[in-house]
Amino acid sequence: MSLIKQIKHNRKKIFLIILSIIIVPVLGLKAYVEIDNIIYESRIEKMNMQSNQIESPIEHKTLKMDGYDIHYFVSGKEHNDLIVFLHPAFSDHRAFDLQVDYFSKNYRVITIDFIGHGLSKANKSKDKIDASSKHIEKILEIEGFDKVHIVGVSMGALIAQYFALQYPEKILSLTALGGYNINKENKEVTKAQSSSNFALVLRAIFSMNSFRKKTAKITCHTESGQALFYKTASLYERKSFMVMQGLQNVIKDRENVITEYPTLILTGEFDIDLAKKMAKEWHSEIDNSEYYMIENAGHCANIDKPLEFNEIMEEFIQKKKNN
């Protein structure tokens, strides 16, 4: 064999070795993830069979936008005060399955699938998640309500504030679980979210089921809570990550923002320390607010500990109505 052929042959061998070093671990990781997903989904299915079903009659409606539909769900007393629930990122309206029956007895209840979440596919629209405030306003108009008790969890808590910022006259009260002040940019929060989101997106590239499983573990402390959250994330797609860019319009430094409506700020005991710290700081910065930590619950305490969440929120709303 000539020297030139020998060099070419060696290059080919080196290339194949490098390729195998890269591919084998990747394929191994993918296989591990898929097997782990099968095991996890089996446990989820078993938990779902044991879970309670919603008993309240629910009407499924759509808000027609330019090139896409926003899906929302209406239940409860037609002429009573309205509560609108806004779900976490990657989830959908089913994040409030454990609230619907409880609050439908005395309130009109609306749950919404944000754009890019659940049934509300963004399609080719240029609208992002910040368009949700416009969607909520239109839904209130369609349903004939001028005022609302607005409730948001995690990202839903940010959108709830953004809606209140634009339509303060419509707010009876605001309840925020796992949220923080949108009118004050925080580098510590931005850094933590960027790191977490990068890891989640990387996981989603390999497997959306693995991504859903990881988000369920991050957001909920109990196994039953993880099971429900995993189910609520089942319709979230890779292309939906694009709509999240709209959050940069939601979170900004704003001066002279006065919060006149009553605000309930909640965290779960097992949420990360930064989330609890930011919630307490937010509570200290605004008047007419209350803060509670729900024990034995994670980031989405309404799913982990629904009875405690429901009772705290109900007491808060009733107290403010009677004042």
C-alpha atoms as a PDB file:
ATOM      1  CA  MET A   1       0.000   0.000   0.000  1.00  0.00           C
ATOM      2  CA  SER A   2       1.359   3.412  -1.014  1.00  0.00           C
ATOM      3  CA  LEU A   3       1.905   6.123   1.580  1.00  0.00           C
ATOM      4  CA  ILE A   4      -0.966   8.235   0.191  1.00  0.00           C
ATOM      5  CA  LYS A   5      -3.386   5.298   0.329  1.00  0.00           C
ATOM      6  CA  GLN A   6      -2.209   4.492   3.849  1.00  0.00           C
ATOM      7  CA  ILE A   7      -2.927   8.072   4.980  1.00  0.00           C
ATOM      8  CA  LYS A   8      -6.389   7.998   3.391  1.00  0.00           C
ATOM      9  CA  HIS A   9      -7.103   4.635   4.990  1.00  0.00           C
ATOM     10  CA  ASN A  10      -6.012   5.877   8.405  1.00  0.00           C
ATOM     11  CA  ARG A  11      -8.099   9.006   8.041  1.00  0.00           C
ATOM     12  CA  LYS A  12     -11.142   6.889   7.275  1.00  0.00           C
ATOM     13  CA  LYS A  13     -10.509   4.735  10.348  1.00  0.00           C
ATOM     14  CA  ILE A  14     -10.047   7.790  12.559  1.00  0.00           C
ATOM     15  CA  PHE A  15     -13.253   9.324  11.179  1.00  0.00           C
ATOM     16  CA  LEU A  16     -15.228   6.134  11.882  1.00  0.00           C
ATOM     17  CA  ILE A  17     -13.823   5.931  15.403  1.00  0.00           C
ATOM     18  CA  ILE A  18     -14.760   9.558  16.130  1.00  0.00           C
ATOM     19  CA  LEU A  19     -18.215   9.015  14.613  1.00  0.00           C
ATOM     20  CA  SER A  20     -18.803   5.952  16.793  1.00  0.00           C
ATOM     21  CA  ILE A  21     -17.650   7.865  19.893  1.00  0.00           C
ATOM     22  CA  ILE A  22     -20.311  10.487  19.158  1.00  0.00           C
ATOM     23  CA  ILE A  23     -23.157   8.279  17.924  1.00  0.00           C
ATOM     24  CA  VAL A  24     -23.029   5.368  20.384  1.00  0.00           C
ATOM     25  CA  PRO A  25     -23.562   7.489  23.536  1.00  0.00           C
ATOM     26  CA  VAL A  26     -26.294   9.512  21.789  1.00  0.00           C
ATOM     27  CA  LEU A  27     -28.148   6.374  20.680  1.00  0.00           C
ATOM     28  CA  GLY A  28     -27.628   4.869  24.109  1.00  0.00           C
ATOM     29  CA  LEU A  29     -29.076   7.956  25.782  1.00  0.00           C
ATOM     30  CA  LYS A  30     -32.020   8.000  23.400  1.00  0.00           C
ATOM     31  CA  ALA A  31     -32.724   4.302  24.094  1.00  0.00           C
ATOM     32  CA  TYR A  32     -32.496   4.899  27.842  1.00  0.00           C
ATOM     33  CA  VAL A  33     -34.863   7.861  27.614  1.00  0.00           C
ATOM     34  CA  GLU A  34     -37.434   5.937  25.589  1.00  0.00           C
ATOM     35  CA  ILE A  35     -37.361   2.911  27.943  1.00  0.00           C
ATOM     36  CA  ASP A  36     -37.641   5.250  30.925  1.00  0.00           C
ATOM     37  CA  ASN A  37     -40.602   6.968  29.257  1.00  0.00           C
ATOM     38  CA  ILE A  38     -42.421   3.647  28.808  1.00  0.00           C
ATOM     39  CA  ILE A  39     -41.981   2.859  32.497  1.00  0.00           C
ATOM     40  CA  TYR A  40     -43.043   6.373  33.491  1.00  0.00           C
ATOM     41  CA  GLU A  41     -46.098   6.426  31.221  1.00  0.00           C
ATOM     42  CA  SER A  42     -47.218   3.087  32.640  1.00  0.00           C
ATOM     43  CA  ARG A  43     -47.154   4.605  36.125  1.00  0.00           C
ATOM     44  CA  ILE A  44     -48.944   7.717  34.849  1.00  0.00           C
ATOM     45  CA  GLU A  45     -51.695   5.627  33.251  1.00  0.00           C
ATOM     46  CA  LYS A  46     -52.227   3.740  36.517  1.00  0.00           C
ATOM     47  CA  MET A  47     -52.498   7.036  38.454  1.00  0.00           C
ATOM     48  CA  ASN A  48     -54.902   8.498  35.904  1.00  0.00           C
ATOM     49  CA  MET A  49     -57.227   5.517  36.293  1.00  0.00           C
ATOM     50  CA  GLN A  50     -57.410   6.313  40.006  1.00  0.00           C
ATOM     51  CA  SER A  51     -57.959  10.065  39.576  1.00  0.00           C
ATOM     52  CA  ASN A  52     -61.304  11.815  39.990  1.00  0.00           C
ATOM     53  CA  GLN A  53     -63.164  13.036  36.908  1.00  0.00           C
ATOM     54  CA  ILE A  54     -64.721  16.506  36.599  1.00  0.00           C
ATOM     55  CA  GLU A  55     -68.436  16.366  37.346  1.00  0.00           C
ATOM     56  CA  SER A  56     -69.403  19.942  36.452  1.00  0.00           C
ATOM     57  CA  PRO A  57     -70.892  20.487  32.982  1.00  0.00           C
ATOM     58  CA  ILE A  58     -68.293  22.235  30.813  1.00  0.00           C
ATOM     59  CA  GLU A  59     -68.868  24.052  27.530  1.00  0.00           C
ATOM     60  CA  HIS A  60     -65.955  24.019  25.087  1.00  0.00           C
ATOM     61  CA  LYS A  61     -65.723  27.244  23.075  1.00  0.00           C
ATOM     62  CA  THR A  62     -63.329  28.828  20.583  1.00  0.00           C
ATOM     63  CA  LEU A  63     -62.210  32.404  20.061  1.00  0.00           C
ATOM     64  CA  LYS A  64     -61.553  32.976  16.357  1.00  0.00           C
ATOM     65  CA  MET A  65     -58.377  34.954  15.729  1.00  0.00           C
ATOM     66  CA  ASP A  66     -56.520  35.742  12.498  1.00  0.00           C
ATOM     67  CA  GLY A  67     -55.222  32.333  11.396  1.00  0.00           C
ATOM     68  CA  TYR A  68     -55.712  30.473  14.668  1.00  0.00           C
ATOM     69  CA  ASP A  69     -58.245  29.634  17.381  1.00  0.00           C
ATOM     70  CA  ILE A  70     -58.002  30.052  21.142  1.00  0.00           C
ATOM     71  CA  HIS A  71     -59.846  27.285  22.951  1.00  0.00           C
ATOM     72  CA  TYR A  72     -61.503  27.941  26.288  1.00  0.00           C
ATOM     73  CA  PHE A  73     -63.853  26.127  28.638  1.00  0.00           C
ATOM     74  CA  VAL A  74     -66.794  27.536  30.592  1.00  0.00           C
ATOM     75  CA  SER A  75     -68.556  26.072  33.622  1.00  0.00           C
ATOM     76  CA  GLY A  76     -70.365  27.094  36.804  1.00  0.00           C
ATOM     77  CA  LYS A  77     -73.031  29.612  37.783  1.00  0.00           C
ATOM     78  CA  GLU A  78     -73.955  31.816  34.836  1.00  0.00           C
ATOM     79  CA  HIS A  79     -74.699  35.054  36.704  1.00  0.00           C
ATOM     80  CA  ASN A  80     -72.147  34.805  39.525  1.00  0.00           C
ATOM     81  CA  ASP A  81     -68.696  36.382  39.745  1.00  0.00           C
ATOM     82  CA  LEU A  82     -66.233  35.159  37.131  1.00  0.00           C
ATOM     83  CA  ILE A  83     -62.917  33.391  37.836  1.00  0.00           C
ATOM     84  CA  VAL A  84     -60.470  32.937  34.956  1.00  0.00           C
ATOM     85  CA  PHE A  85     -57.655  30.406  35.489  1.00  0.00           C
ATOM     86  CA  LEU A  86     -54.395  30.736  33.512  1.00  0.00           C
ATOM     87  CA  HIS A  87     -52.150  27.688  33.279  1.00  0.00           C
ATOM     88  CA  PRO A  88     -48.335  27.209  33.513  1.00  0.00           C
ATOM     89  CA  ALA A  89     -45.977  27.026  30.531  1.00  0.00           C
ATOM     90  CA  PHE A  90     -46.101  23.775  28.485  1.00  0.00           C
ATOM     91  CA  SER A  91     -49.424  22.855  30.137  1.00  0.00           C
ATOM     92  CA  ASP A  92     -53.065  23.556  29.232  1.00  0.00           C
ATOM     93  CA  HIS A  93     -56.485  24.176  30.810  1.00  0.00           C
ATOM     94  CA  ARG A  94     -56.460  20.735  32.459  1.00  0.00           C
ATOM     95  CA  ALA A  95     -53.971  22.072  35.020  1.00  0.00           C
ATOM     96  CA  PHE A  96     -57.124  23.274  36.825  1.00  0.00           C
ATOM     97  CA  ASP A  97     -59.099  20.034  36.716  1.00  0.00           C
ATOM     98  CA  LEU A  98     -58.889  19.968  40.525  1.00  0.00           C
ATOM     99  CA  GLN A  99     -60.308  23.493  40.779  1.00  0.00           C
ATOM    100  CA  VAL A 100     -63.217  23.373  38.323  1.00  0.00           C
ATOM    101  CA  ASP A 101     -65.715  21.390  40.415  1.00  0.00           C
ATOM    102  CA  TYR A 102     -64.871  23.283  43.608  1.00  0.00           C
ATOM    103  CA  PHE A 103     -65.318  26.792  42.200  1.00  0.00           C
ATOM    104  CA  SER A 104     -68.114  26.011  39.730  1.00  0.00           C
ATOM    105  CA  LYS A 105     -70.515  25.652  42.664  1.00  0.00           C
ATOM    106  CA  ASN A 106     -70.435  29.381  43.434  1.00  0.00           C
ATOM    107  CA  TYR A 107     -68.722  31.078  40.480  1.00  0.00           C
ATOM    108  CA  ARG A 108     -68.631  31.220  36.722  1.00  0.00           C
ATOM    109  CA  VAL A 109     -65.353  29.523  35.768  1.00  0.00           C
ATOM    110  CA  ILE A 110     -63.289  29.868  32.598  1.00  0.00           C
ATOM    111  CA  THR A 111     -60.107  27.962  31.809  1.00  0.00           C
ATOM    112  CA  ILE A 112     -58.064  28.775  28.697  1.00  0.00           C
ATOM    113  CA  ASP A 113     -55.485  27.099  26.478  1.00  0.00           C
ATOM    114  CA  PHE A 114     -52.863  29.773  25.756  1.00  0.00           C
ATOM    115  CA  ILE A 115     -51.654  30.201  22.180  1.00  0.00           C
ATOM    116  CA  GLY A 116     -49.240  27.359  21.348  1.00  0.00           C
ATOM    117  CA  HIS A 117     -50.586  25.261  24.236  1.00  0.00           C
ATOM    118  CA  GLY A 118     -53.206  22.543  24.428  1.00  0.00           C
ATOM    119  CA  LEU A 119     -55.706  22.812  21.586  1.00  0.00           C
ATOM    120  CA  SER A 120     -54.764  26.419  20.743  1.00  0.00           C
ATOM    121  CA  LYS A 121     -52.253  25.820  17.958  1.00  0.00           C
ATOM    122  CA  ALA A 122     -50.376  28.918  16.818  1.00  0.00           C
ATOM    123  CA  ASN A 123     -50.267  27.700  13.209  1.00  0.00           C
ATOM    124  CA  LYS A 124     -48.436  30.312  11.099  1.00  0.00           C
ATOM    125  CA  SER A 125     -49.482  33.307  13.176  1.00  0.00           C
ATOM    126  CA  LYS A 126     -46.854  35.812  14.298  1.00  0.00           C
ATOM    127  CA  ASP A 127     -48.660  36.274  17.630  1.00  0.00           C
ATOM    128  CA  LYS A 128     -46.740  35.204  20.737  1.00  0.00           C
ATOM    129  CA  ILE A 129     -47.705  34.455  24.324  1.00  0.00           C
ATOM    130  CA  ASP A 130     -48.085  38.169  25.168  1.00  0.00           C
ATOM    131  CA  ALA A 131     -51.150  38.235  22.880  1.00  0.00           C
ATOM    132  CA  SER A 132     -52.921  36.264  25.625  1.00  0.00           C
ATOM    133  CA  SER A 133     -54.024  39.471  27.365  1.00  0.00           C
ATOM    134  CA  LYS A 134     -55.901  40.438  24.188  1.00  0.00           C
ATOM    135  CA  HIS A 135     -57.453  36.960  24.048  1.00  0.00           C
ATOM    136  CA  ILE A 136     -58.643  37.174  27.655  1.00  0.00           C
ATOM    137  CA  GLU A 137     -60.197  40.605  27.063  1.00  0.00           C
ATOM    138  CA  LYS A 138     -62.111  39.313  24.017  1.00  0.00           C
ATOM    139  CA  ILE A 139     -63.316  36.221  25.908  1.00  0.00           C
ATOM    140  CA  LEU A 140     -64.637  38.408  28.731  1.00  0.00           C
ATOM    141  CA  GLU A 141     -66.494  40.530  26.163  1.00  0.00           C
ATOM    142  CA  ILE A 142     -68.006  37.455  24.481  1.00  0.00           C
ATOM    143  CA  GLU A 143     -69.084  35.962  27.826  1.00  0.00           C
ATOM    144  CA  GLY A 144     -70.559  39.272  29.031  1.00  0.00           C
ATOM    145  CA  PHE A 145     -68.282  40.020  31.993  1.00  0.00           C
ATOM    146  CA  ASP A 146     -66.778  43.408  32.865  1.00  0.00           C
ATOM    147  CA  LYS A 147     -64.919  42.194  35.981  1.00  0.00           C
ATOM    148  CA  VAL A 148     -62.892  39.094  36.801  1.00  0.00           C
ATOM    149  CA  HIS A 149     -61.052  37.315  39.588  1.00  0.00           C
ATOM    150  CA  ILE A 150     -57.948  36.317  37.624  1.00  0.00           C
ATOM    151  CA  VAL A 151     -55.795  33.389  38.759  1.00  0.00           C
ATOM    152  CA  GLY A 152     -52.454  32.402  37.254  1.00  0.00           C
ATOM    153  CA  VAL A 153     -49.944  29.657  37.978  1.00  0.00           C
ATOM    154  CA  SER A 154     -46.254  30.082  37.042  1.00  0.00           C
ATOM    155  CA  MET A 155     -46.287  31.597  33.530  1.00  0.00           C
ATOM    156  CA  GLY A 156     -50.028  32.063  34.011  1.00  0.00           C
ATOM    157  CA  ALA A 157     -49.223  34.328  36.978  1.00  0.00           C
ATOM    158  CA  LEU A 158     -47.123  36.526  34.671  1.00  0.00           C
ATOM    159  CA  ILE A 159     -49.878  36.720  32.041  1.00  0.00           C
ATOM    160  CA  ALA A 160     -52.450  37.472  34.762  1.00  0.00           C
ATOM    161  CA  GLN A 161     -50.386  40.493  35.832  1.00  0.00           C
ATOM    162  CA  TYR A 162     -49.903  41.579  32.215  1.00  0.00           C
ATOM    163  CA  PHE A 163     -53.661  41.487  31.655  1.00  0.00           C
ATOM    164  CA  ALA A 164     -54.186  43.445  34.899  1.00  0.00           C
ATOM    165  CA  LEU A 165     -51.573  45.974  33.782  1.00  0.00           C
ATOM    166  CA  GLN A 166     -53.487  46.632  30.567  1.00  0.00           C
ATOM    167  CA  TYR A 167     -57.020  46.354  31.990  1.00  0.00           C
ATOM    168  CA  PRO A 168     -56.812  47.298  35.697  1.00  0.00           C
ATOM    169  CA  GLU A 169     -60.455  48.385  35.757  1.00  0.00           C
ATOM    170  CA  LYS A 170     -61.529  44.788  35.046  1.00  0.00           C
ATOM    171  CA  ILE A 171     -59.744  43.176  38.020  1.00  0.00           C
ATOM    172  CA  LEU A 172     -61.693  42.150  41.131  1.00  0.00           C
ATOM    173  CA  SER A 173     -58.676  40.289  42.511  1.00  0.00           C
ATOM    174  CA  LEU A 174     -55.487  38.630  41.311  1.00  0.00           C
ATOM    175  CA  THR A 175     -54.135  35.313  42.608  1.00  0.00           C
ATOM    176  CA  ALA A 176     -50.596  34.338  41.591  1.00  0.00           C
ATOM    177  CA  LEU A 177     -49.020  30.976  42.391  1.00  0.00           C
ATOM    178  CA  GLY A 178     -45.330  30.525  41.590  1.00  0.00           C
ATOM    179  CA  GLY A 179     -45.045  33.985  40.047  1.00  0.00           C
ATOM    180  CA  TYR A 180     -43.106  37.195  40.562  1.00  0.00           C
ATOM    181  CA  ASN A 181     -43.406  40.900  39.780  1.00  0.00           C
ATOM    182  CA  ILE A 182     -43.436  41.421  35.983  1.00  0.00           C
ATOM    183  CA  ASN A 183     -42.731  45.140  36.349  1.00  0.00           C
ATOM    184  CA  LYS A 184     -39.242  44.593  37.666  1.00  0.00           C
ATOM    185  CA  GLU A 185     -36.596  42.799  35.603  1.00  0.00           C
ATOM    186  CA  ASN A 186     -34.390  40.513  37.700  1.00  0.00           C
ATOM    187  CA  LYS A 187     -31.058  39.200  36.403  1.00  0.00           C
ATOM    188  CA  GLU A 188     -31.033  36.353  38.921  1.00  0.00           C
ATOM    189  CA  VAL A 189     -34.382  35.071  37.670  1.00  0.00           C
ATOM    190  CA  THR A 190     -33.391  35.539  34.014  1.00  0.00           C
ATOM    191  CA  LYS A 191     -30.177  33.577  34.511  1.00  0.00           C
ATOM    192  CA  ALA A 192     -31.913  30.715  36.331  1.00  0.00           C
ATOM    193  CA  GLN A 193     -34.675  30.507  33.715  1.00  0.00           C
ATOM    194  CA  SER A 194     -32.217  30.591  30.796  1.00  0.00           C
ATOM    195  CA  SER A 195     -30.251  27.690  32.255  1.00  0.00           C
ATOM    196  CA  SER A 196     -33.381  25.666  32.999  1.00  0.00           C
ATOM    197  CA  ASN A 197     -35.001  26.383  29.621  1.00  0.00           C
ATOM    198  CA  PHE A 198     -31.844  25.408  27.711  1.00  0.00           C
ATOM    199  CA  ALA A 199     -31.761  22.034  29.469  1.00  0.00           C
ATOM    200  CA  LEU A 200     -35.467  21.467  28.763  1.00  0.00           C
ATOM    201  CA  VAL A 201     -35.185  22.395  25.076  1.00  0.00           C
ATOM    202  CA  LEU A 202     -32.191  20.073  24.714  1.00  0.00           C
ATOM    203  CA  ARG A 203     -34.233  17.269  26.262  1.00  0.00           C
ATOM    204  CA  ALA A 204     -37.164  18.043  23.953  1.00  0.00           C
ATOM    205  CA  ILE A 205     -34.908  17.584  20.912  1.00  0.00           C
ATOM    206  CA  PHE A 206     -34.376  13.952  21.912  1.00  0.00           C
ATOM    207  CA  SER A 207     -37.862  13.155  23.165  1.00  0.00           C
ATOM    208  CA  MET A 208     -40.977  15.218  23.851  1.00  0.00           C
ATOM    209  CA  ASN A 209     -42.167  12.556  26.283  1.00  0.00           C
ATOM    210  CA  SER A 210     -38.930  12.897  28.221  1.00  0.00           C
ATOM    211  CA  PHE A 211     -39.393  16.670  28.171  1.00  0.00           C
ATOM    212  CA  ARG A 212     -42.937  16.336  29.541  1.00  0.00           C
ATOM    213  CA  LYS A 213     -41.787  13.945  32.228  1.00  0.00           C
ATOM    214  CA  LYS A 214     -39.020  16.303  33.326  1.00  0.00           C
ATOM    215  CA  THR A 215     -41.301  19.340  33.476  1.00  0.00           C
ATOM    216  CA  ALA A 216     -43.780  17.311  35.529  1.00  0.00           C
ATOM    217  CA  LYS A 217     -41.049  16.421  38.033  1.00  0.00           C
ATOM    218  CA  ILE A 218     -39.864  20.026  38.191  1.00  0.00           C
ATOM    219  CA  THR A 219     -43.292  21.549  38.710  1.00  0.00           C
ATOM    220  CA  CYS A 220     -44.986  19.064  41.025  1.00  0.00           C
ATOM    221  CA  HIS A 221     -43.843  17.444  44.280  1.00  0.00           C
ATOM    222  CA  THR A 222     -46.369  14.612  44.579  1.00  0.00           C
ATOM    223  CA  GLU A 223     -46.592  11.624  42.224  1.00  0.00           C
ATOM    224  CA  SER A 224     -50.301  12.305  41.641  1.00  0.00           C
ATOM    225  CA  GLY A 225     -49.447  15.918  40.795  1.00  0.00           C
ATOM    226  CA  GLN A 226     -46.750  14.823  38.361  1.00  0.00           C
ATOM    227  CA  ALA A 227     -49.225  12.479  36.710  1.00  0.00           C
ATOM    228  CA  LEU A 228     -51.743  15.252  36.124  1.00  0.00           C
ATOM    229  CA  PHE A 229     -49.167  17.771  34.899  1.00  0.00           C
ATOM    230  CA  TYR A 230     -47.695  15.205  32.501  1.00  0.00           C
ATOM    231  CA  LYS A 231     -51.159  14.725  31.025  1.00  0.00           C
ATOM    232  CA  THR A 232     -51.694  18.486  30.671  1.00  0.00           C
ATOM    233  CA  ALA A 233     -48.446  18.781  28.704  1.00  0.00           C
ATOM    234  CA  SER A 234     -49.367  16.037  26.222  1.00  0.00           C
ATOM    235  CA  LEU A 235     -50.384  18.459  23.441  1.00  0.00           C
ATOM    236  CA  TYR A 236     -47.376  20.773  23.709  1.00  0.00           C
ATOM    237  CA  GLU A 237     -45.163  20.591  20.598  1.00  0.00           C
ATOM    238  CA  ARG A 238     -41.583  21.553  19.765  1.00  0.00           C
ATOM    239  CA  LYS A 239     -42.680  24.392  17.496  1.00  0.00           C
ATOM    240  CA  SER A 240     -44.638  25.881  20.412  1.00  0.00           C
ATOM    241  CA  PHE A 241     -41.372  27.071  21.966  1.00  0.00           C
ATOM    242  CA  MET A 242     -41.473  29.965  19.491  1.00  0.00           C
ATOM    243  CA  VAL A 243     -44.537  31.552  21.113  1.00  0.00           C
ATOM    244  CA  MET A 244     -42.667  31.874  24.424  1.00  0.00           C
ATOM    245  CA  GLN A 245     -40.566  34.690  22.954  1.00  0.00           C
ATOM    246  CA  GLY A 246     -43.470  36.991  23.758  1.00  0.00           C
ATOM    247  CA  LEU A 247     -42.536  36.909  27.436  1.00  0.00           C
ATOM    248  CA  GLN A 248     -39.906  39.563  26.745  1.00  0.00           C
ATOM    249  CA  ASN A 249     -42.795  41.999  26.265  1.00  0.00           C
ATOM    250  CA  VAL A 250     -44.444  40.878  29.496  1.00  0.00           C
ATOM    251  CA  ILE A 251     -41.462  41.241  31.847  1.00  0.00           C
ATOM    252  CA  LYS A 252     -39.987  44.748  31.792  1.00  0.00           C
ATOM    253  CA  ASP A 253     -38.824  47.449  34.153  1.00  0.00           C
ATOM    254  CA  ARG A 254     -41.811  49.762  34.551  1.00  0.00           C
ATOM    255  CA  GLU A 255     -42.034  52.811  36.761  1.00  0.00           C
ATOM    256  CA  ASN A 256     -44.998  54.103  38.753  1.00  0.00           C
ATOM    257  CA  VAL A 257     -47.111  50.956  38.447  1.00  0.00           C
ATOM    258  CA  ILE A 258     -49.733  51.085  41.179  1.00  0.00           C
ATOM    259  CA  THR A 259     -51.551  47.876  42.114  1.00  0.00           C
ATOM    260  CA  GLU A 260     -54.939  48.842  43.523  1.00  0.00           C
ATOM    261  CA  TYR A 261     -56.675  45.470  43.331  1.00  0.00           C
ATOM    262  CA  PRO A 262     -56.246  42.840  46.094  1.00  0.00           C
ATOM    263  CA  THR A 263     -53.460  40.361  45.314  1.00  0.00           C
ATOM    264  CA  LEU A 264     -52.906  36.877  46.719  1.00  0.00           C
ATOM    265  CA  ILE A 265     -49.345  35.587  46.287  1.00  0.00           C
ATOM    266  CA  LEU A 266     -48.742  31.869  46.826  1.00  0.00           C
ATOM    267  CA  THR A 267     -45.778  29.495  46.735  1.00  0.00           C
ATOM    268  CA  GLY A 268     -45.296  25.792  47.387  1.00  0.00           C
ATOM    269  CA  GLU A 269     -43.046  24.628  50.202  1.00  0.00           C
ATOM    270  CA  PHE A 270     -40.871  22.582  47.839  1.00  0.00           C
ATOM    271  CA  ASP A 271     -40.564  25.189  45.108  1.00  0.00           C
ATOM    272  CA  ILE A 272     -37.012  26.435  44.532  1.00  0.00           C
ATOM    273  CA  ASP A 273     -35.658  28.982  47.024  1.00  0.00           C
ATOM    274  CA  LEU A 274     -35.422  31.684  44.349  1.00  0.00           C
ATOM    275  CA  ALA A 275     -39.145  31.417  43.571  1.00  0.00           C
ATOM    276  CA  LYS A 276     -40.061  31.775  47.253  1.00  0.00           C
ATOM    277  CA  LYS A 277     -37.655  34.679  47.663  1.00  0.00           C
ATOM    278  CA  MET A 278     -39.097  36.543  44.660  1.00  0.00           C
ATOM    279  CA  ALA A 279     -42.682  35.945  45.815  1.00  0.00           C
ATOM    280  CA  LYS A 280     -41.938  37.384  49.263  1.00  0.00           C
ATOM    281  CA  GLU A 281     -40.186  40.405  47.740  1.00  0.00           C
ATOM    282  CA  TRP A 282     -43.148  41.034  45.462  1.00  0.00           C
ATOM    283  CA  HIS A 283     -45.511  40.834  48.456  1.00  0.00           C
ATOM    284  CA  SER A 284     -43.394  43.415  50.323  1.00  0.00           C
ATOM    285  CA  GLU A 285     -43.434  45.796  47.342  1.00  0.00           C
ATOM    286  CA  ILE A 286     -47.203  46.128  46.877  1.00  0.00           C
ATOM    287  CA  ASP A 287     -50.019  47.164  49.171  1.00  0.00           C
ATOM    288  CA  ASN A 288     -53.222  45.186  49.625  1.00  0.00           C
ATOM    289  CA  SER A 289     -51.472  41.829  49.155  1.00  0.00           C
ATOM    290  CA  GLU A 290     -51.340  38.585  51.115  1.00  0.00           C
ATOM    291  CA  TYR A 291     -48.711  35.849  51.011  1.00  0.00           C
ATOM    292  CA  TYR A 292     -49.074  32.147  51.870  1.00  0.00           C
ATOM    293  CA  MET A 293     -46.832  29.129  51.472  1.00  0.00           C
ATOM    294  CA  ILE A 294     -48.646  25.840  50.870  1.00  0.00           C
ATOM    295  CA  GLU A 295     -46.963  22.972  52.702  1.00  0.00           C
ATOM    296  CA  ASN A 296     -45.927  19.680  51.061  1.00  0.00           C
ATOM    297  CA  ALA A 297     -46.384  21.151  47.583  1.00  0.00           C
ATOM    298  CA  GLY A 298     -44.133  22.031  44.674  1.00  0.00           C
ATOM    299  CA  HIS A 299     -44.231  24.852  42.121  1.00  0.00           C
ATOM    300  CA  CYS A 300     -47.773  23.966  40.996  1.00  0.00           C
ATOM    301  CA  ALA A 301     -49.298  23.709  44.461  1.00  0.00           C
ATOM    302  CA  ASN A 302     -52.830  23.852  43.016  1.00  0.00           C
ATOM    303  CA  ILE A 303     -52.142  20.385  41.559  1.00  0.00           C
ATOM    304  CA  ASP A 304     -50.145  18.940  44.474  1.00  0.00           C
ATOM    305  CA  LYS A 305     -52.438  20.212  47.222  1.00  0.00           C
ATOM    306  CA  PRO A 306     -55.711  21.229  45.545  1.00  0.00           C
ATOM    307  CA  LEU A 307     -57.857  21.334  48.682  1.00  0.00           C
ATOM    308  CA  GLU A 308     -55.472  23.671  50.502  1.00  0.00           C
ATOM    309  CA  PHE A 309     -55.084  25.877  47.408  1.00  0.00           C
ATOM    310  CA  ASN A 310     -58.848  26.030  46.828  1.00  0.00           C
ATOM    311  CA  GLU A 311     -59.655  26.899  50.442  1.00  0.00           C
ATOM    312  CA  ILE A 312     -57.005  29.641  50.691  1.00  0.00           C
ATOM    313  CA  MET A 313     -58.141  31.206  47.437  1.00  0.00           C
ATOM    314  CA  GLU A 314     -61.853  30.951  48.318  1.00  0.00           C
ATOM    315  CA  GLU A 315     -61.275  32.564  51.712  1.00  0.00           C
ATOM    316  CA  PHE A 316     -59.260  35.369  50.104  1.00  0.00           C
ATOM    317  CA  ILE A 317     -61.950  36.148  47.512  1.00  0.00           C
ATOM    318  CA  GLN A 318     -64.780  36.025  50.044  1.00  0.00           C
ATOM    319  CA  LYS A 319     -62.882  38.251  52.480  1.00  0.00           C
ATOM    320  CA  LYS A 320     -62.274  40.860  49.803  1.00  0.00           C
ATOM    321  CA  LYS A 321     -65.932  40.733  48.685  1.00  0.00           C
ATOM    322  CA  ASN A 322     -67.111  41.375  52.240  1.00  0.00           C
ATOM    323  CA  ASN A 323     -64.731  44.312  52.836  1.00  0.00           C
END
